[in-house]
Structures are given as structure tokens and as C-alpha cells.
Amino acid sequence: VGVAAETFPFVMERTVMPCDTDHSGVTWHGSYVAFFEAARCRALEDLSLSYRELVDQNDCHMALSDLKLQYKRPALMGDELLLWTRVMGTDGTTDSVASLKTRVRFQTEMRLKSNPATLICVAECTLVALRARDLRPTRIPQSLREQLNIYLASRHN
């Protein structure tokens, strides 16, 4: 668990509710997407940013352009989950966002809270910056790039 805390600094807890599952108590595949979106939003909040601020102050939406899920085992109704999230550079590493212009990548691991060694699902996604007023591609706002650079630099000190 200690390695994960170093590698995945943003942590969110979530309990699988009945509305998240199918008739057999297994988490419905679409619920995973919502869980991972909540984890990304929490990571941005932990960086002192929010989607609302990006829109209101920067005329920017961060739209999902790519999503890859790898299911390892099902999450069941009542399971308490840990979602460990990290920000990645556009090249897929956690080293730098020097090339970060219009996109940012996130990776999240979903694990059982009672046994964090139990991996349930891994998500990797790319968000692209769009101007809120016309939904055209734009540069990631300077405030977000600065926060991401500070975060990534701190991971290597």
C-alpha cells in the first residue's frame, strides 16, 4: 500500500451502492466510468482546481477523448473501494508535462479497501481542453498547466 501512496497520490473512497449494480449485485460496467470520473475530479480538487473554475474562469471544458478500462475482477454491491489516481504526462509517463498543450492523462486503479492488494479495475484516460463557448480545441489553461507541473515536479524530489 505504501508504494501506491507514492505512485498514486490522489485517493478517493467509494462504496458500491445498489444503483451501481445489475440484478445480480455485480457492478454494472457503466458505473465504473462514473467512479473514475469522480476520482479525476477529486484529483483536480486536490490540486486546488475544479471543473467549475475551469469553465467559469478559463472558458474551458476538459472533455474525455480516450478511455481504456481493464477489468480484473468484479466489484460487488457493498464493496468499499479505494480509487488511486495519478496525473501522467501526455507521453504516458509521470515525468513531465512539458509537451502538455491541449491534453492531460490520468490513470486510476480501483482496489478493495479491505484488501488493497486486490485490484478490481484500471482506467487510463485522456482529457482534451475545449473552449466552453464553442467547444473548439484550445490550450490547457495556464493555471492548470502550472499546477500539473508543480505536482509532477514534486513526484521526483
N, C-alpha and C. Protein backbone atom coordinates (compact mmCIF):
# COMPACT_ATOMS: atom_id res chain seq x y z
N VAL A 1 0.83 -1.19 0.00
CA VAL A 1 0.00 0.00 0.00
C VAL A 1 0.87 1.25 0.00
N GLY A 2 2.03 1.22 0.66
CA GLY A 2 2.91 2.38 0.71
C GLY A 2 3.39 2.81 -0.66
N VAL A 3 3.72 1.84 -1.52
CA VAL A 3 4.15 2.16 -2.88
C VAL A 3 3.04 2.86 -3.63
N ALA A 4 1.82 2.39 -3.46
CA ALA A 4 0.69 3.00 -4.16
C ALA A 4 0.51 4.45 -3.72
N ALA A 5 0.70 4.73 -2.43
CA ALA A 5 0.54 6.09 -1.94
C ALA A 5 1.57 7.02 -2.58
N GLU A 6 2.77 6.49 -2.85
CA GLU A 6 3.79 7.30 -3.50
C GLU A 6 3.50 7.47 -4.99
N THR A 7 3.01 6.42 -5.62
CA THR A 7 2.78 6.43 -7.06
C THR A 7 1.44 7.04 -7.44
N PHE A 8 0.44 6.81 -6.62
CA PHE A 8 -0.92 7.31 -6.86
C PHE A 8 -1.31 8.20 -5.68
N PRO A 9 -0.98 9.48 -5.72
CA PRO A 9 -1.15 10.34 -4.55
C PRO A 9 -2.59 10.78 -4.26
N PHE A 10 -3.48 10.65 -5.22
CA PHE A 10 -4.85 11.11 -5.01
C PHE A 10 -5.73 9.90 -4.71
N VAL A 11 -6.39 9.91 -3.55
CA VAL A 11 -7.17 8.76 -3.13
C VAL A 11 -8.60 9.18 -2.84
N MET A 12 -9.54 8.38 -3.31
CA MET A 12 -10.95 8.60 -3.05
C MET A 12 -11.57 7.27 -2.63
N GLU A 13 -12.46 7.32 -1.66
CA GLU A 13 -13.19 6.12 -1.24
C GLU A 13 -14.59 6.15 -1.83
N ARG A 14 -15.10 4.96 -2.14
CA ARG A 14 -16.44 4.85 -2.71
C ARG A 14 -17.01 3.49 -2.33
N THR A 15 -18.27 3.46 -1.94
CA THR A 15 -18.97 2.21 -1.66
C THR A 15 -19.88 1.90 -2.83
N VAL A 16 -19.88 0.65 -3.28
CA VAL A 16 -20.76 0.24 -4.37
C VAL A 16 -22.18 0.16 -3.83
N MET A 17 -23.05 0.98 -4.37
CA MET A 17 -24.45 1.06 -3.94
C MET A 17 -25.32 0.18 -4.85
N PRO A 18 -26.53 -0.16 -4.39
CA PRO A 18 -27.42 -0.97 -5.23
C PRO A 18 -27.64 -0.36 -6.62
N CYS A 19 -27.74 0.96 -6.72
CA CYS A 19 -27.97 1.60 -8.02
C CYS A 19 -26.78 1.46 -8.97
N ASP A 20 -25.62 1.06 -8.45
CA ASP A 20 -24.42 0.88 -9.27
C ASP A 20 -24.32 -0.52 -9.87
N THR A 21 -25.25 -1.40 -9.49
CA THR A 21 -25.11 -2.81 -9.86
C THR A 21 -26.21 -3.30 -10.79
N ASP A 22 -25.99 -4.47 -11.35
CA ASP A 22 -27.03 -5.14 -12.13
C ASP A 22 -27.89 -5.98 -11.18
N HIS A 23 -28.79 -6.76 -11.70
CA HIS A 23 -29.72 -7.53 -10.88
C HIS A 23 -29.04 -8.57 -10.00
N SER A 24 -27.79 -8.93 -10.30
CA SER A 24 -27.08 -9.95 -9.51
C SER A 24 -26.15 -9.36 -8.46
N GLY A 25 -26.13 -8.03 -8.33
CA GLY A 25 -25.28 -7.39 -7.33
C GLY A 25 -23.86 -7.13 -7.79
N VAL A 26 -23.59 -7.33 -9.09
CA VAL A 26 -22.28 -7.04 -9.67
C VAL A 26 -22.32 -5.64 -10.25
N THR A 27 -21.25 -4.88 -10.04
CA THR A 27 -21.21 -3.52 -10.54
C THR A 27 -21.38 -3.50 -12.06
N TRP A 28 -22.35 -2.71 -12.51
CA TRP A 28 -22.63 -2.54 -13.94
C TRP A 28 -21.45 -1.83 -14.58
N HIS A 29 -21.07 -2.22 -15.79
CA HIS A 29 -19.87 -1.68 -16.43
C HIS A 29 -19.91 -0.16 -16.57
N GLY A 30 -21.06 0.42 -16.81
CA GLY A 30 -21.16 1.87 -16.94
C GLY A 30 -20.89 2.62 -15.64
N SER A 31 -21.12 1.97 -14.51
CA SER A 31 -20.86 2.62 -13.22
C SER A 31 -19.38 2.88 -13.01
N TYR A 32 -18.53 2.01 -13.56
CA TYR A 32 -17.09 2.22 -13.42
C TYR A 32 -16.68 3.57 -14.00
N VAL A 33 -17.27 3.94 -15.12
CA VAL A 33 -16.94 5.21 -15.77
C VAL A 33 -17.24 6.37 -14.83
N ALA A 34 -18.39 6.33 -14.16
CA ALA A 34 -18.76 7.38 -13.21
C ALA A 34 -17.80 7.39 -12.02
N PHE A 35 -17.42 6.22 -11.53
CA PHE A 35 -16.47 6.15 -10.41
C PHE A 35 -15.15 6.81 -10.79
N PHE A 36 -14.66 6.50 -12.00
CA PHE A 36 -13.38 7.05 -12.43
C PHE A 36 -13.46 8.55 -12.69
N GLU A 37 -14.60 9.03 -13.18
CA GLU A 37 -14.75 10.47 -13.37
C GLU A 37 -14.71 11.19 -12.02
N ALA A 38 -15.38 10.64 -11.03
CA ALA A 38 -15.36 11.23 -9.69
C ALA A 38 -13.93 11.27 -9.15
N ALA A 39 -13.16 10.23 -9.39
CA ALA A 39 -11.77 10.20 -8.92
C ALA A 39 -10.92 11.27 -9.62
N ARG A 40 -11.14 11.48 -10.93
CA ARG A 40 -10.41 12.54 -11.65
C ARG A 40 -10.77 13.92 -11.10
N CYS A 41 -12.06 14.13 -10.88
CA CYS A 41 -12.50 15.43 -10.34
C CYS A 41 -11.87 15.67 -8.96
N ARG A 42 -11.84 14.63 -8.13
CA ARG A 42 -11.23 14.76 -6.80
C ARG A 42 -9.75 15.08 -6.92
N ALA A 43 -9.06 14.44 -7.87
CA ALA A 43 -7.63 14.73 -8.05
C ALA A 43 -7.43 16.20 -8.42
N LEU A 44 -8.26 16.72 -9.33
CA LEU A 44 -8.15 18.14 -9.69
C LEU A 44 -8.44 19.04 -8.49
N GLU A 45 -9.44 18.68 -7.69
CA GLU A 45 -9.74 19.46 -6.48
C GLU A 45 -8.56 19.44 -5.53
N ASP A 46 -7.90 18.29 -5.40
CA ASP A 46 -6.72 18.19 -4.53
C ASP A 46 -5.57 19.05 -5.05
N LEU A 47 -5.60 19.37 -6.34
CA LEU A 47 -4.62 20.28 -6.93
C LEU A 47 -5.09 21.73 -6.87
N SER A 48 -6.17 21.95 -6.10
CA SER A 48 -6.77 23.29 -5.94
C SER A 48 -7.40 23.79 -7.23
N LEU A 49 -7.93 22.88 -8.03
CA LEU A 49 -8.62 23.24 -9.26
C LEU A 49 -9.98 22.54 -9.26
N SER A 50 -10.88 23.05 -10.03
CA SER A 50 -12.17 22.38 -10.17
C SER A 50 -12.68 22.58 -11.59
N TYR A 51 -13.54 21.67 -12.01
CA TYR A 51 -14.12 21.83 -13.34
C TYR A 51 -14.89 23.14 -13.43
N ARG A 52 -15.60 23.48 -12.39
CA ARG A 52 -16.39 24.72 -12.38
C ARG A 52 -15.48 25.93 -12.61
N GLU A 53 -14.32 25.96 -11.93
CA GLU A 53 -13.38 27.07 -12.12
C GLU A 53 -12.81 27.09 -13.53
N LEU A 54 -12.53 25.91 -14.07
CA LEU A 54 -12.02 25.86 -15.44
C LEU A 54 -13.00 26.49 -16.41
N VAL A 55 -14.28 26.22 -16.21
CA VAL A 55 -15.31 26.79 -17.11
C VAL A 55 -15.50 28.27 -16.81
N ASP A 56 -15.74 28.60 -15.55
CA ASP A 56 -16.09 29.98 -15.19
C ASP A 56 -14.94 30.96 -15.38
N GLN A 57 -13.73 30.54 -15.02
CA GLN A 57 -12.60 31.47 -15.03
C GLN A 57 -11.72 31.35 -16.27
N ASN A 58 -11.82 30.23 -16.97
CA ASN A 58 -10.91 30.00 -18.09
C ASN A 58 -11.61 29.66 -19.39
N ASP A 59 -12.95 29.66 -19.40
CA ASP A 59 -13.70 29.33 -20.62
C ASP A 59 -13.24 27.99 -21.18
N CYS A 60 -13.09 26.99 -20.31
CA CYS A 60 -12.51 25.72 -20.74
C CYS A 60 -13.27 24.53 -20.16
N HIS A 61 -13.55 23.56 -21.02
CA HIS A 61 -14.03 22.25 -20.60
C HIS A 61 -12.89 21.26 -20.81
N MET A 62 -12.80 20.26 -19.95
CA MET A 62 -11.86 19.16 -20.14
C MET A 62 -12.70 17.94 -20.52
N ALA A 63 -12.77 17.65 -21.81
CA ALA A 63 -13.63 16.60 -22.33
C ALA A 63 -12.85 15.28 -22.46
N LEU A 64 -13.52 14.21 -22.16
CA LEU A 64 -12.93 12.89 -22.30
C LEU A 64 -12.76 12.57 -23.78
N SER A 65 -11.52 12.27 -24.19
CA SER A 65 -11.29 11.93 -25.60
C SER A 65 -10.86 10.47 -25.77
N ASP A 66 -10.43 9.85 -24.68
CA ASP A 66 -9.98 8.47 -24.76
C ASP A 66 -10.16 7.84 -23.39
N LEU A 67 -10.67 6.60 -23.37
CA LEU A 67 -10.86 5.88 -22.11
C LEU A 67 -10.58 4.40 -22.34
N LYS A 68 -9.72 3.86 -21.50
CA LYS A 68 -9.39 2.43 -21.57
C LYS A 68 -9.61 1.85 -20.18
N LEU A 69 -10.42 0.81 -20.10
CA LEU A 69 -10.67 0.12 -18.84
C LEU A 69 -10.16 -1.30 -18.95
N GLN A 70 -9.50 -1.77 -17.91
CA GLN A 70 -9.07 -3.16 -17.81
C GLN A 70 -9.69 -3.75 -16.56
N TYR A 71 -10.70 -4.58 -16.75
CA TYR A 71 -11.39 -5.21 -15.63
C TYR A 71 -10.58 -6.41 -15.16
N LYS A 72 -10.34 -6.48 -13.85
CA LYS A 72 -9.57 -7.58 -13.27
C LYS A 72 -10.47 -8.54 -12.49
N ARG A 73 -11.43 -8.01 -11.77
CA ARG A 73 -12.41 -8.80 -11.03
C ARG A 73 -13.61 -7.89 -10.77
N PRO A 74 -14.79 -8.46 -10.56
CA PRO A 74 -15.96 -7.61 -10.36
C PRO A 74 -15.99 -6.94 -8.98
N ALA A 75 -16.49 -5.74 -8.94
CA ALA A 75 -16.83 -5.08 -7.67
C ALA A 75 -18.28 -5.45 -7.38
N LEU A 76 -18.56 -5.77 -6.13
CA LEU A 76 -19.88 -6.24 -5.74
C LEU A 76 -20.61 -5.22 -4.87
N MET A 77 -21.93 -5.29 -4.87
CA MET A 77 -22.73 -4.41 -4.04
C MET A 77 -22.21 -4.46 -2.60
N GLY A 78 -21.99 -3.29 -2.02
CA GLY A 78 -21.50 -3.19 -0.66
C GLY A 78 -19.99 -3.13 -0.53
N ASP A 79 -19.26 -3.44 -1.60
CA ASP A 79 -17.80 -3.35 -1.54
C ASP A 79 -17.39 -1.91 -1.28
N GLU A 80 -16.44 -1.75 -0.39
CA GLU A 80 -15.83 -0.44 -0.17
C GLU A 80 -14.56 -0.39 -1.00
N LEU A 81 -14.47 0.63 -1.82
CA LEU A 81 -13.40 0.73 -2.81
C LEU A 81 -12.46 1.88 -2.50
N LEU A 82 -11.23 1.74 -2.94
CA LEU A 82 -10.26 2.82 -2.98
C LEU A 82 -9.96 3.10 -4.45
N LEU A 83 -10.00 4.36 -4.83
CA LEU A 83 -9.63 4.75 -6.19
C LEU A 83 -8.38 5.60 -6.08
N TRP A 84 -7.27 5.04 -6.54
CA TRP A 84 -5.98 5.71 -6.50
C TRP A 84 -5.73 6.32 -7.87
N THR A 85 -5.47 7.63 -7.89
CA THR A 85 -5.33 8.34 -9.16
C THR A 85 -4.00 9.07 -9.23
N ARG A 86 -3.45 9.11 -10.43
CA ARG A 86 -2.26 9.91 -10.68
C ARG A 86 -2.42 10.60 -12.02
N VAL A 87 -1.74 11.74 -12.14
CA VAL A 87 -1.70 12.50 -13.39
C VAL A 87 -0.47 12.05 -14.14
N MET A 88 -0.61 11.93 -15.45
CA MET A 88 0.50 11.49 -16.28
C MET A 88 0.75 12.53 -17.37
N GLY A 89 1.99 12.62 -17.82
CA GLY A 89 2.30 13.48 -18.95
C GLY A 89 1.65 12.92 -20.21
N THR A 90 1.61 13.70 -21.24
CA THR A 90 0.95 13.27 -22.47
C THR A 90 1.67 12.11 -23.14
N ASP A 91 2.93 11.88 -22.75
CA ASP A 91 3.67 10.75 -23.33
C ASP A 91 3.47 9.47 -22.53
N GLY A 92 2.61 9.51 -21.49
CA GLY A 92 2.31 8.32 -20.71
C GLY A 92 3.21 8.13 -19.51
N THR A 93 4.14 9.06 -19.26
CA THR A 93 4.99 8.96 -18.09
C THR A 93 4.50 9.95 -17.04
N THR A 94 5.07 9.86 -15.86
CA THR A 94 4.75 10.83 -14.82
C THR A 94 5.87 11.84 -14.66
N ASP A 95 6.74 11.94 -15.67
CA ASP A 95 7.92 12.78 -15.56
C ASP A 95 7.68 14.26 -15.84
N SER A 96 6.89 14.56 -16.83
CA SER A 96 6.81 15.95 -17.25
C SER A 96 5.54 16.21 -18.04
N VAL A 97 5.10 17.43 -17.95
CA VAL A 97 4.01 17.87 -18.82
C VAL A 97 4.53 18.93 -19.78
N ALA A 98 5.83 18.85 -20.05
CA ALA A 98 6.43 19.83 -20.95
C ALA A 98 5.71 19.87 -22.30
N SER A 99 5.27 18.70 -22.76
CA SER A 99 4.58 18.65 -24.05
C SER A 99 3.09 18.89 -23.90
N LEU A 100 2.65 19.12 -22.69
CA LEU A 100 1.23 19.31 -22.42
C LEU A 100 0.75 20.61 -23.04
N LYS A 101 -0.12 20.48 -24.02
CA LYS A 101 -0.66 21.66 -24.68
C LYS A 101 -2.18 21.65 -24.62
N THR A 102 -2.78 20.60 -25.13
CA THR A 102 -4.24 20.55 -25.17
C THR A 102 -4.80 19.33 -24.43
N ARG A 103 -3.94 18.43 -23.97
CA ARG A 103 -4.39 17.18 -23.35
C ARG A 103 -3.69 16.89 -22.03
N VAL A 104 -4.38 16.13 -21.19
CA VAL A 104 -3.78 15.63 -19.95
C VAL A 104 -4.29 14.20 -19.74
N ARG A 105 -3.42 13.35 -19.21
CA ARG A 105 -3.77 11.94 -18.99
C ARG A 105 -3.85 11.64 -17.50
N PHE A 106 -4.76 10.72 -17.18
CA PHE A 106 -4.92 10.24 -15.82
C PHE A 106 -4.90 8.72 -15.83
N GLN A 107 -4.41 8.15 -14.75
CA GLN A 107 -4.51 6.70 -14.54
C GLN A 107 -5.09 6.49 -13.14
N THR A 108 -6.07 5.60 -13.04
CA THR A 108 -6.70 5.30 -11.76
C THR A 108 -6.78 3.80 -11.58
N GLU A 109 -6.41 3.35 -10.39
CA GLU A 109 -6.58 1.95 -10.02
C GLU A 109 -7.69 1.86 -8.99
N MET A 110 -8.61 0.93 -9.19
CA MET A 110 -9.68 0.67 -8.25
C MET A 110 -9.32 -0.60 -7.48
N ARG A 111 -9.32 -0.50 -6.14
CA ARG A 111 -8.93 -1.62 -5.29
C ARG A 111 -9.93 -1.77 -4.15
N LEU A 112 -9.94 -2.95 -3.55
CA LEU A 112 -10.78 -3.18 -2.38
C LEU A 112 -10.17 -2.50 -1.17
N LYS A 113 -10.96 -1.76 -0.42
CA LYS A 113 -10.46 -1.09 0.78
C LYS A 113 -10.01 -2.10 1.82
N SER A 114 -10.74 -3.20 1.96
CA SER A 114 -10.41 -4.22 2.97
C SER A 114 -9.14 -4.99 2.63
N ASN A 115 -8.74 -4.99 1.37
CA ASN A 115 -7.53 -5.68 0.92
C ASN A 115 -6.99 -4.94 -0.30
N PRO A 116 -6.24 -3.85 -0.09
CA PRO A 116 -5.78 -3.03 -1.22
C PRO A 116 -4.94 -3.77 -2.25
N ALA A 117 -4.46 -4.96 -1.92
CA ALA A 117 -3.72 -5.73 -2.93
C ALA A 117 -4.66 -6.28 -4.00
N THR A 118 -5.96 -6.26 -3.73
CA THR A 118 -6.94 -6.78 -4.69
C THR A 118 -7.30 -5.69 -5.69
N LEU A 119 -6.79 -5.85 -6.90
CA LEU A 119 -7.04 -4.90 -7.99
C LEU A 119 -8.33 -5.28 -8.70
N ILE A 120 -9.24 -4.32 -8.81
CA ILE A 120 -10.54 -4.57 -9.46
C ILE A 120 -10.54 -4.09 -10.90
N CYS A 121 -10.05 -2.88 -11.12
CA CYS A 121 -10.09 -2.32 -12.47
C CYS A 121 -9.03 -1.22 -12.58
N VAL A 122 -8.49 -1.05 -13.77
CA VAL A 122 -7.55 0.04 -14.05
C VAL A 122 -8.12 0.87 -15.18
N ALA A 123 -8.09 2.18 -15.01
CA ALA A 123 -8.57 3.09 -16.05
C ALA A 123 -7.44 4.03 -16.46
N GLU A 124 -7.33 4.25 -17.75
CA GLU A 124 -6.45 5.29 -18.29
C GLU A 124 -7.30 6.14 -19.21
N CYS A 125 -7.19 7.45 -19.05
CA CYS A 125 -7.99 8.32 -19.90
C CYS A 125 -7.20 9.56 -20.28
N THR A 126 -7.64 10.15 -21.36
CA THR A 126 -7.08 11.41 -21.83
C THR A 126 -8.20 12.43 -21.88
N LEU A 127 -7.93 13.61 -21.34
CA LEU A 127 -8.87 14.72 -21.41
C LEU A 127 -8.29 15.77 -22.35
N VAL A 128 -9.15 16.35 -23.17
CA VAL A 128 -8.72 17.38 -24.11
C VAL A 128 -9.40 18.69 -23.72
N ALA A 129 -8.67 19.78 -23.82
CA ALA A 129 -9.21 21.10 -23.48
C ALA A 129 -10.04 21.64 -24.64
N LEU A 130 -11.25 22.09 -24.32
CA LEU A 130 -12.15 22.71 -25.30
C LEU A 130 -12.62 24.05 -24.77
N ARG A 131 -12.70 25.05 -25.65
CA ARG A 131 -13.29 26.34 -25.24
C ARG A 131 -14.75 26.10 -24.91
N ALA A 132 -15.19 26.60 -23.78
CA ALA A 132 -16.57 26.39 -23.34
C ALA A 132 -17.56 27.04 -24.29
N ARG A 133 -17.22 28.20 -24.84
CA ARG A 133 -18.19 28.95 -25.64
C ARG A 133 -18.52 28.30 -26.99
N ASP A 134 -17.55 27.53 -27.57
CA ASP A 134 -17.82 26.94 -28.88
C ASP A 134 -17.34 25.49 -29.01
N LEU A 135 -16.80 24.94 -27.92
CA LEU A 135 -16.34 23.54 -27.88
C LEU A 135 -15.27 23.23 -28.92
N ARG A 136 -14.45 24.21 -29.22
CA ARG A 136 -13.30 24.03 -30.13
C ARG A 136 -12.06 23.74 -29.29
N PRO A 137 -11.13 22.93 -29.82
CA PRO A 137 -9.89 22.65 -29.07
C PRO A 137 -9.15 23.94 -28.71
N THR A 138 -8.55 23.93 -27.54
CA THR A 138 -7.79 25.08 -27.05
C THR A 138 -6.65 24.58 -26.18
N ARG A 139 -5.77 25.48 -25.81
CA ARG A 139 -4.68 25.12 -24.90
C ARG A 139 -5.23 24.92 -23.50
N ILE A 140 -4.59 24.03 -22.76
CA ILE A 140 -4.95 23.86 -21.36
C ILE A 140 -4.65 25.17 -20.65
N PRO A 141 -5.57 25.65 -19.81
CA PRO A 141 -5.34 26.92 -19.12
C PRO A 141 -4.02 26.92 -18.34
N GLN A 142 -3.38 28.09 -18.36
CA GLN A 142 -2.09 28.25 -17.69
C GLN A 142 -2.15 27.81 -16.23
N SER A 143 -3.23 28.13 -15.53
CA SER A 143 -3.34 27.77 -14.11
C SER A 143 -3.30 26.26 -13.93
N LEU A 144 -3.95 25.51 -14.81
CA LEU A 144 -3.93 24.05 -14.72
C LEU A 144 -2.56 23.51 -15.08
N ARG A 145 -1.95 24.03 -16.13
CA ARG A 145 -0.60 23.57 -16.51
C ARG A 145 0.39 23.82 -15.38
N GLU A 146 0.30 24.99 -14.75
CA GLU A 146 1.21 25.30 -13.64
C GLU A 146 1.03 24.32 -12.48
N GLN A 147 -0.22 24.04 -12.11
CA GLN A 147 -0.49 23.11 -11.01
C GLN A 147 0.00 21.70 -11.36
N LEU A 148 -0.21 21.29 -12.60
CA LEU A 148 0.25 19.96 -13.02
C LEU A 148 1.77 19.87 -13.01
N ASN A 149 2.44 20.94 -13.45
CA ASN A 149 3.90 20.95 -13.42
C ASN A 149 4.44 20.90 -12.00
N ILE A 150 3.82 21.64 -11.09
CA ILE A 150 4.22 21.60 -9.68
C ILE A 150 4.04 20.19 -9.13
N TYR A 151 2.88 19.60 -9.43
CA TYR A 151 2.61 18.24 -8.97
C TYR A 151 3.64 17.27 -9.50
N LEU A 152 3.90 17.28 -10.81
CA LEU A 152 4.83 16.33 -11.40
C LEU A 152 6.25 16.56 -10.89
N ALA A 153 6.65 17.81 -10.71
CA ALA A 153 7.97 18.09 -10.18
C ALA A 153 8.12 17.55 -8.75
N SER A 154 7.06 17.66 -7.97
CA SER A 154 7.12 17.19 -6.57
C SER A 154 7.21 15.66 -6.51
N ARG A 155 6.78 14.97 -7.54
CA ARG A 155 6.84 13.50 -7.55
C ARG A 155 8.27 13.02 -7.70
N HIS A 156 9.18 13.89 -8.13
CA HIS A 156 10.54 13.47 -8.40
C HIS A 156 11.55 14.12 -7.46
N ASN A 157 11.09 14.68 -6.37
CA ASN A 157 12.01 15.28 -5.39
C ASN A 157 12.21 14.35 -4.22
